[in-house]
Amino acid sequence: MDSSSATSPMSTSVKAMFHRPHHDPVMRVVSPLVVTRLEDATTRNDHDARCHIIAAWAEEALAEEKATASCDICKTRPAIGVYTDVTYVTGHRSIEINWVVPYAYTCDQKQCQRDAHEMLLQLRVLAKKANGQHKIVNACIVCMSTDKVFTHKATGAFYCAEHVPLSPEEKARLCTMCRTAFGRKCAGCGTTIYCTRECQKAHWPTHKLECQAVQHTRDIVKQ
């Protein structure tokens, strides 16, 4: 096969999504020089080298921001370093590779640095290995939680039940059990909300006495 007709392993517009704890993610385009280095590492099938290349580029890209940032752990002392943990998610037909870069700023305190390292280990829930490929796991963009996550229709971003940007009226319509979907009122008490029969059954041991009390009160009022 003519080498000029061979498909490049990556697009020239590789992107990296920077995830900082408790901040909205920021998408950045990887510099062309870094893309060239990534293509060389891809040719060698060297995933570790690709991660090191992106990590080095990420720290350089974050240098200006770090100069004015405070420690993500203690929130008070100025940041002197940045911890990064790099992974990637394959793009369309596995030709383009998009990178996810969770990171945290730390001060000069050893405890903050240890806590930042532990935090990044937890942030790995953003990506996991599935069926031989690295894929994004739905995680709240504010706290990085993967428990009971919404897809925000307006932005396509993921939020947990605590941080999802819903109006008070919309939050009042959330399922009492799972807090991840809108539901209907319980036929018995008319107050508690459930999205499915499964959620209603799971919550029944907790809800039973309250539901019966509401129905009993209603019957007394009718009399």
C-alpha atoms as a PDB file:
ATOM      1  CA  MET A   1       0.000   0.000   0.000  1.00  0.00           C
ATOM      2  CA  ASP A   2       1.243   3.489  -0.830  1.00  0.00           C
ATOM      3  CA  SER A   3       2.215   5.205   2.420  1.00  0.00           C
ATOM      4  CA  SER A   4       0.746   8.492   1.193  1.00  0.00           C
ATOM      5  CA  SER A   5      -2.712   6.911   0.972  1.00  0.00           C
ATOM      6  CA  ALA A   6      -2.569   5.367   4.436  1.00  0.00           C
ATOM      7  CA  THR A   7      -4.977   6.832   6.957  1.00  0.00           C
ATOM      8  CA  SER A   8      -3.343   8.880   9.703  1.00  0.00           C
ATOM      9  CA  PRO A   9      -4.023   7.331  13.109  1.00  0.00           C
ATOM     10  CA  MET A  10      -5.308  10.670  14.430  1.00  0.00           C
ATOM     11  CA  SER A  11      -6.911  13.880  13.311  1.00  0.00           C
ATOM     12  CA  THR A  12      -4.810  17.041  13.449  1.00  0.00           C
ATOM     13  CA  SER A  13      -7.364  18.532  15.862  1.00  0.00           C
ATOM     14  CA  VAL A  14      -7.057  16.222  18.846  1.00  0.00           C
ATOM     15  CA  LYS A  15      -8.848  17.590  21.907  1.00  0.00           C
ATOM     16  CA  ALA A  16      -8.320  17.242  25.639  1.00  0.00           C
ATOM     17  CA  MET A  17     -11.031  17.839  28.212  1.00  0.00           C
ATOM     18  CA  PHE A  18      -9.619  19.225  31.456  1.00  0.00           C
ATOM     19  CA  HIS A  19     -11.580  18.214  34.573  1.00  0.00           C
ATOM     20  CA  ARG A  20     -10.801  20.118  37.779  1.00  0.00           C
ATOM     21  CA  PRO A  21     -12.699  19.156  40.969  1.00  0.00           C
ATOM     22  CA  HIS A  22     -15.807  21.286  41.517  1.00  0.00           C
ATOM     23  CA  HIS A  23     -15.292  23.228  38.268  1.00  0.00           C
ATOM     24  CA  ASP A  24     -16.903  22.940  34.859  1.00  0.00           C
ATOM     25  CA  PRO A  25     -14.725  21.006  32.379  1.00  0.00           C
ATOM     26  CA  VAL A  26     -12.711  22.949  29.804  1.00  0.00           C
ATOM     27  CA  MET A  27     -12.022  21.610  26.297  1.00  0.00           C
ATOM     28  CA  ARG A  28      -8.660  22.495  24.733  1.00  0.00           C
ATOM     29  CA  VAL A  29      -7.180  21.644  21.342  1.00  0.00           C
ATOM     30  CA  VAL A  30      -3.891  19.784  21.572  1.00  0.00           C
ATOM     31  CA  SER A  31      -0.992  21.610  19.885  1.00  0.00           C
ATOM     32  CA  PRO A  32       0.121  20.277  16.455  1.00  0.00           C
ATOM     33  CA  LEU A  33       3.615  19.386  17.740  1.00  0.00           C
ATOM     34  CA  VAL A  34       2.094  17.242  20.480  1.00  0.00           C
ATOM     35  CA  VAL A  35      -0.223  15.600  17.936  1.00  0.00           C
ATOM     36  CA  THR A  36       2.825  14.617  15.861  1.00  0.00           C
ATOM     37  CA  ARG A  37       4.450  13.055  18.926  1.00  0.00           C
ATOM     38  CA  LEU A  38       1.225  11.243  19.739  1.00  0.00           C
ATOM     39  CA  GLU A  39       1.046   9.848  16.202  1.00  0.00           C
ATOM     40  CA  ASP A  40       4.603   8.507  16.555  1.00  0.00           C
ATOM     41  CA  ALA A  41       3.705   6.840  19.859  1.00  0.00           C
ATOM     42  CA  THR A  42       0.489   5.483  18.308  1.00  0.00           C
ATOM     43  CA  THR A  43       2.501   3.924  15.482  1.00  0.00           C
ATOM     44  CA  ARG A  44       4.569   2.138  18.134  1.00  0.00           C
ATOM     45  CA  ASN A  45       1.353   1.205  20.011  1.00  0.00           C
ATOM     46  CA  ASP A  46       2.889   2.748  23.138  1.00  0.00           C
ATOM     47  CA  HIS A  47      -0.016   3.870  25.327  1.00  0.00           C
ATOM     48  CA  ASP A  48       2.226   4.814  28.280  1.00  0.00           C
ATOM     49  CA  ALA A  49       4.245   7.148  26.059  1.00  0.00           C
ATOM     50  CA  ARG A  50       1.050   8.815  24.816  1.00  0.00           C
ATOM     51  CA  CYS A  51      -0.106   9.409  28.386  1.00  0.00           C
ATOM     52  CA  HIS A  52       3.276  10.920  29.335  1.00  0.00           C
ATOM     53  CA  ILE A  53       3.171  13.198  26.279  1.00  0.00           C
ATOM     54  CA  ILE A  54      -0.302  14.468  27.126  1.00  0.00           C
ATOM     55  CA  ALA A  55       0.566  14.834  30.819  1.00  0.00           C
ATOM     56  CA  ALA A  56       3.621  16.978  30.007  1.00  0.00           C
ATOM     57  CA  TRP A  57       1.597  19.112  27.599  1.00  0.00           C
ATOM     58  CA  ALA A  58      -1.218  19.456  30.145  1.00  0.00           C
ATOM     59  CA  GLU A  59       1.107  20.738  32.875  1.00  0.00           C
ATOM     60  CA  GLU A  60       2.545  23.292  30.452  1.00  0.00           C
ATOM     61  CA  ALA A  61      -0.946  24.336  29.347  1.00  0.00           C
ATOM     62  CA  LEU A  62      -1.960  24.799  32.990  1.00  0.00           C
ATOM     63  CA  ALA A  63       1.137  26.778  34.002  1.00  0.00           C
ATOM     64  CA  GLU A  64      -0.451  30.204  33.479  1.00  0.00           C
ATOM     65  CA  GLU A  65      -3.622  29.242  35.328  1.00  0.00           C
ATOM     66  CA  LYS A  66      -1.594  27.723  38.179  1.00  0.00           C
ATOM     67  CA  ALA A  67       0.132  31.068  38.806  1.00  0.00           C
ATOM     68  CA  THR A  68      -3.109  32.563  40.135  1.00  0.00           C
ATOM     69  CA  ALA A  69      -4.778  29.403  41.496  1.00  0.00           C
ATOM     70  CA  SER A  70      -5.108  28.262  45.087  1.00  0.00           C
ATOM     71  CA  CYS A  71      -4.750  24.748  46.446  1.00  0.00           C
ATOM     72  CA  ASP A  72      -7.771  22.574  45.585  1.00  0.00           C
ATOM     73  CA  ILE A  73      -7.471  20.793  48.944  1.00  0.00           C
ATOM     74  CA  CYS A  74      -7.019  23.470  51.631  1.00  0.00           C
ATOM     75  CA  LYS A  75      -8.521  26.271  49.445  1.00  0.00           C
ATOM     76  CA  THR A  76      -6.282  28.882  51.106  1.00  0.00           C
ATOM     77  CA  ARG A  77      -2.588  28.483  50.241  1.00  0.00           C
ATOM     78  CA  PRO A  78      -1.308  29.341  46.735  1.00  0.00           C
ATOM     79  CA  ALA A  79      -0.791  26.476  44.296  1.00  0.00           C
ATOM     80  CA  ILE A  80       2.793  25.484  43.548  1.00  0.00           C
ATOM     81  CA  GLY A  81       2.140  22.237  41.678  1.00  0.00           C
ATOM     82  CA  VAL A  82      -0.462  20.382  39.650  1.00  0.00           C
ATOM     83  CA  TYR A  83      -1.360  16.702  39.784  1.00  0.00           C
ATOM     84  CA  THR A  84      -2.700  15.191  36.571  1.00  0.00           C
ATOM     85  CA  ASP A  85      -4.065  11.766  35.690  1.00  0.00           C
ATOM     86  CA  VAL A  86      -4.429  11.151  31.968  1.00  0.00           C
ATOM     87  CA  THR A  87      -6.599   8.696  30.064  1.00  0.00           C
ATOM     88  CA  TYR A  88      -8.295   8.772  26.682  1.00  0.00           C
ATOM     89  CA  VAL A  89     -11.502   7.910  24.897  1.00  0.00           C
ATOM     90  CA  THR A  90     -11.445   6.752  21.290  1.00  0.00           C
ATOM     91  CA  GLY A  91     -13.341   8.856  18.798  1.00  0.00           C
ATOM     92  CA  HIS A  92     -15.079   8.167  15.508  1.00  0.00           C
ATOM     93  CA  ARG A  93     -13.891   4.846  14.015  1.00  0.00           C
ATOM     94  CA  SER A  94     -10.986   4.963  16.515  1.00  0.00           C
ATOM     95  CA  ILE A  95      -9.101   7.356  14.191  1.00  0.00           C
ATOM     96  CA  GLU A  96      -9.270  10.451  16.370  1.00  0.00           C
ATOM     97  CA  ILE A  97      -8.282  10.157  20.012  1.00  0.00           C
ATOM     98  CA  ASN A  98      -9.791  12.525  22.562  1.00  0.00           C
ATOM     99  CA  TRP A  99      -8.121  12.830  25.952  1.00  0.00           C
ATOM    100  CA  VAL A 100      -9.532  13.343  29.428  1.00  0.00           C
ATOM    101  CA  VAL A 101      -7.239  15.148  31.887  1.00  0.00           C
ATOM    102  CA  PRO A 102      -8.457  15.233  35.501  1.00  0.00           C
ATOM    103  CA  TYR A 103      -6.184  17.546  37.491  1.00  0.00           C
ATOM    104  CA  ALA A 104      -5.846  19.284  40.861  1.00  0.00           C
ATOM    105  CA  TYR A 105      -3.662  22.120  42.154  1.00  0.00           C
ATOM    106  CA  THR A 106      -1.702  21.645  45.372  1.00  0.00           C
ATOM    107  CA  CYS A 107       0.216  23.841  47.790  1.00  0.00           C
ATOM    108  CA  ASP A 108       3.526  23.005  49.523  1.00  0.00           C
ATOM    109  CA  GLN A 109       1.887  20.891  52.265  1.00  0.00           C
ATOM    110  CA  LYS A 110       2.543  17.148  52.042  1.00  0.00           C
ATOM    111  CA  GLN A 111      -0.950  16.302  53.321  1.00  0.00           C
ATOM    112  CA  CYS A 112      -2.586  18.374  50.581  1.00  0.00           C
ATOM    113  CA  GLN A 113      -0.397  16.666  47.997  1.00  0.00           C
ATOM    114  CA  ARG A 114      -1.370  13.219  49.309  1.00  0.00           C
ATOM    115  CA  ASP A 115      -5.046  14.188  49.343  1.00  0.00           C
ATOM    116  CA  ALA A 116      -4.778  15.498  45.767  1.00  0.00           C
ATOM    117  CA  HIS A 117      -3.243  12.213  44.644  1.00  0.00           C
ATOM    118  CA  GLU A 118      -6.088  10.308  46.316  1.00  0.00           C
ATOM    119  CA  MET A 119      -8.631  12.634  44.715  1.00  0.00           C
ATOM    120  CA  LEU A 120      -7.268  11.912  41.256  1.00  0.00           C
ATOM    121  CA  LEU A 121      -7.489   8.199  41.908  1.00  0.00           C
ATOM    122  CA  GLN A 122     -11.193   8.753  42.595  1.00  0.00           C
ATOM    123  CA  LEU A 123     -11.549  10.896  39.470  1.00  0.00           C
ATOM    124  CA  ARG A 124     -10.567   7.901  37.365  1.00  0.00           C
ATOM    125  CA  VAL A 125     -14.257   7.033  37.391  1.00  0.00           C
ATOM    126  CA  LEU A 126     -14.411   9.454  34.461  1.00  0.00           C
ATOM    127  CA  ALA A 127     -12.975   6.722  32.274  1.00  0.00           C
ATOM    128  CA  LYS A 128     -12.806   2.969  32.478  1.00  0.00           C
ATOM    129  CA  LYS A 129     -11.744   0.109  30.304  1.00  0.00           C
ATOM    130  CA  ALA A 130     -14.669  -1.608  28.624  1.00  0.00           C
ATOM    131  CA  ASN A 131     -14.606  -4.095  25.752  1.00  0.00           C
ATOM    132  CA  GLY A 132     -10.964  -3.312  25.077  1.00  0.00           C
ATOM    133  CA  GLN A 133     -11.568   0.445  24.664  1.00  0.00           C
ATOM    134  CA  HIS A 134     -11.407   3.388  27.026  1.00  0.00           C
ATOM    135  CA  LYS A 135     -14.838   4.977  27.320  1.00  0.00           C
ATOM    136  CA  ILE A 136     -16.247   7.871  29.272  1.00  0.00           C
ATOM    137  CA  VAL A 137     -18.432   6.972  32.234  1.00  0.00           C
ATOM    138  CA  ASN A 138     -21.292   9.357  32.973  1.00  0.00           C
ATOM    139  CA  ALA A 139     -20.022  11.516  35.829  1.00  0.00           C
ATOM    140  CA  CYS A 140     -21.237  14.777  37.347  1.00  0.00           C
ATOM    141  CA  ILE A 141     -19.096  17.628  35.981  1.00  0.00           C
ATOM    142  CA  VAL A 142     -19.247  19.414  39.360  1.00  0.00           C
ATOM    143  CA  CYS A 143     -18.340  16.714  41.896  1.00  0.00           C
ATOM    144  CA  MET A 144     -17.326  13.844  39.540  1.00  0.00           C
ATOM    145  CA  SER A 145     -19.835  11.482  41.168  1.00  0.00           C
ATOM    146  CA  THR A 146     -21.157   8.636  39.009  1.00  0.00           C
ATOM    147  CA  ASP A 147     -24.098   7.918  41.312  1.00  0.00           C
ATOM    148  CA  LYS A 148     -27.558   8.860  39.993  1.00  0.00           C
ATOM    149  CA  VAL A 149     -26.390  11.047  37.120  1.00  0.00           C
ATOM    150  CA  PHE A 150     -28.608  13.221  34.879  1.00  0.00           C
ATOM    151  CA  THR A 151     -27.978  14.318  31.309  1.00  0.00           C
ATOM    152  CA  HIS A 152     -28.765  18.023  31.144  1.00  0.00           C
ATOM    153  CA  LYS A 153     -30.825  18.441  27.958  1.00  0.00           C
ATOM    154  CA  ALA A 154     -29.708  22.016  27.256  1.00  0.00           C
ATOM    155  CA  THR A 155     -25.948  21.363  27.417  1.00  0.00           C
ATOM    156  CA  GLY A 156     -25.565  17.577  27.206  1.00  0.00           C
ATOM    157  CA  ALA A 157     -23.423  17.695  30.358  1.00  0.00           C
ATOM    158  CA  PHE A 158     -23.790  15.205  33.216  1.00  0.00           C
ATOM    159  CA  TYR A 159     -24.933  16.216  36.706  1.00  0.00           C
ATOM    160  CA  CYS A 160     -25.721  14.321  39.889  1.00  0.00           C
ATOM    161  CA  ALA A 161     -29.032  14.869  41.672  1.00  0.00           C
ATOM    162  CA  GLU A 162     -27.451  17.432  44.010  1.00  0.00           C
ATOM    163  CA  HIS A 163     -25.898  19.615  41.317  1.00  0.00           C
ATOM    164  CA  VAL A 164     -28.279  19.245  38.385  1.00  0.00           C
ATOM    165  CA  PRO A 165     -29.436  22.737  37.309  1.00  0.00           C
ATOM    166  CA  LEU A 166     -33.189  22.259  37.740  1.00  0.00           C
ATOM    167  CA  SER A 167     -35.762  24.743  38.936  1.00  0.00           C
ATOM    168  CA  PRO A 168     -37.360  24.127  42.382  1.00  0.00           C
ATOM    169  CA  GLU A 169     -40.531  23.020  40.605  1.00  0.00           C
ATOM    170  CA  GLU A 170     -38.605  20.478  38.522  1.00  0.00           C
ATOM    171  CA  LYS A 171     -36.702  19.160  41.549  1.00  0.00           C
ATOM    172  CA  ALA A 172     -40.050  18.657  43.319  1.00  0.00           C
ATOM    173  CA  ARG A 173     -41.045  16.266  40.520  1.00  0.00           C
ATOM    174  CA  LEU A 174     -37.981  14.022  40.930  1.00  0.00           C
ATOM    175  CA  CYS A 175     -38.425  10.418  42.025  1.00  0.00           C
ATOM    176  CA  THR A 176     -38.089  10.156  45.815  1.00  0.00           C
ATOM    177  CA  MET A 177     -36.151   6.901  45.534  1.00  0.00           C
ATOM    178  CA  CYS A 178     -33.583   7.363  42.733  1.00  0.00           C
ATOM    179  CA  ARG A 179     -33.608  11.165  42.297  1.00  0.00           C
ATOM    180  CA  THR A 180     -32.649  10.702  38.640  1.00  0.00           C
ATOM    181  CA  ALA A 181     -35.980  10.945  36.788  1.00  0.00           C
ATOM    182  CA  PHE A 182     -39.307  12.704  36.938  1.00  0.00           C
ATOM    183  CA  GLY A 183     -42.208  10.634  38.223  1.00  0.00           C
ATOM    184  CA  ARG A 184     -45.826  10.513  39.338  1.00  0.00           C
ATOM    185  CA  LYS A 185     -47.386  10.855  42.736  1.00  0.00           C
ATOM    186  CA  CYS A 186     -48.054   7.782  44.847  1.00  0.00           C
ATOM    187  CA  ALA A 187     -51.674   6.682  44.370  1.00  0.00           C
ATOM    188  CA  GLY A 188     -52.004   6.077  48.094  1.00  0.00           C
ATOM    189  CA  CYS A 189     -50.817   9.321  49.697  1.00  0.00           C
ATOM    190  CA  GLY A 190     -50.650  11.580  46.654  1.00  0.00           C
ATOM    191  CA  THR A 191     -47.443  13.252  47.870  1.00  0.00           C
ATOM    192  CA  THR A 192     -44.396  11.020  47.315  1.00  0.00           C
ATOM    193  CA  ILE A 193     -43.041  10.807  43.752  1.00  0.00           C
ATOM    194  CA  TYR A 194     -41.912   7.628  41.957  1.00  0.00           C
ATOM    195  CA  CYS A 195     -40.644   7.201  38.399  1.00  0.00           C
ATOM    196  CA  THR A 196     -41.154   3.435  38.143  1.00  0.00           C
ATOM    197  CA  ARG A 197     -42.857   0.620  40.004  1.00  0.00           C
ATOM    198  CA  GLU A 198     -39.408  -0.740  40.873  1.00  0.00           C
ATOM    199  CA  CYS A 199     -38.511   2.475  42.695  1.00  0.00           C
ATOM    200  CA  GLN A 200     -41.862   2.421  44.492  1.00  0.00           C
ATOM    201  CA  LYS A 201     -41.349  -1.175  45.648  1.00  0.00           C
ATOM    202  CA  ALA A 202     -37.797  -0.459  46.801  1.00  0.00           C
ATOM    203  CA  HIS A 203     -38.926   2.564  48.826  1.00  0.00           C
ATOM    204  CA  TRP A 204     -42.083   0.960  50.248  1.00  0.00           C
ATOM    205  CA  PRO A 205     -40.535  -0.284  53.544  1.00  0.00           C
ATOM    206  CA  THR A 206     -39.563   3.328  54.286  1.00  0.00           C
ATOM    207  CA  HIS A 207     -42.682   4.934  52.881  1.00  0.00           C
ATOM    208  CA  LYS A 208     -45.285   2.467  54.183  1.00  0.00           C
ATOM    209  CA  LEU A 209     -46.070   4.050  57.573  1.00  0.00           C
ATOM    210  CA  GLU A 210     -46.135   7.592  56.160  1.00  0.00           C
ATOM    211  CA  CYS A 211     -48.382   6.564  53.286  1.00  0.00           C
ATOM    212  CA  GLN A 212     -50.835   4.762  55.584  1.00  0.00           C
ATOM    213  CA  ALA A 213     -50.873   7.717  57.993  1.00  0.00           C
ATOM    214  CA  VAL A 214     -51.717  10.156  55.195  1.00  0.00           C
ATOM    215  CA  GLN A 215     -54.512   7.895  53.948  1.00  0.00           C
ATOM    216  CA  HIS A 216     -55.874   7.507  57.490  1.00  0.00           C
ATOM    217  CA  THR A 217     -55.884  11.268  58.008  1.00  0.00           C
ATOM    218  CA  ARG A 218     -57.644  11.748  54.700  1.00  0.00           C
ATOM    219  CA  ASP A 219     -60.344   9.239  55.660  1.00  0.00           C
ATOM    220  CA  ILE A 220     -60.943  11.028  58.973  1.00  0.00           C
ATOM    221  CA  VAL A 221     -61.309  14.383  57.198  1.00  0.00           C
ATOM    222  CA  LYS A 222     -63.835  12.909  54.782  1.00  0.00           C
ATOM    223  CA  GLN A 223     -65.957  11.661  57.655  1.00  0.00           C
END
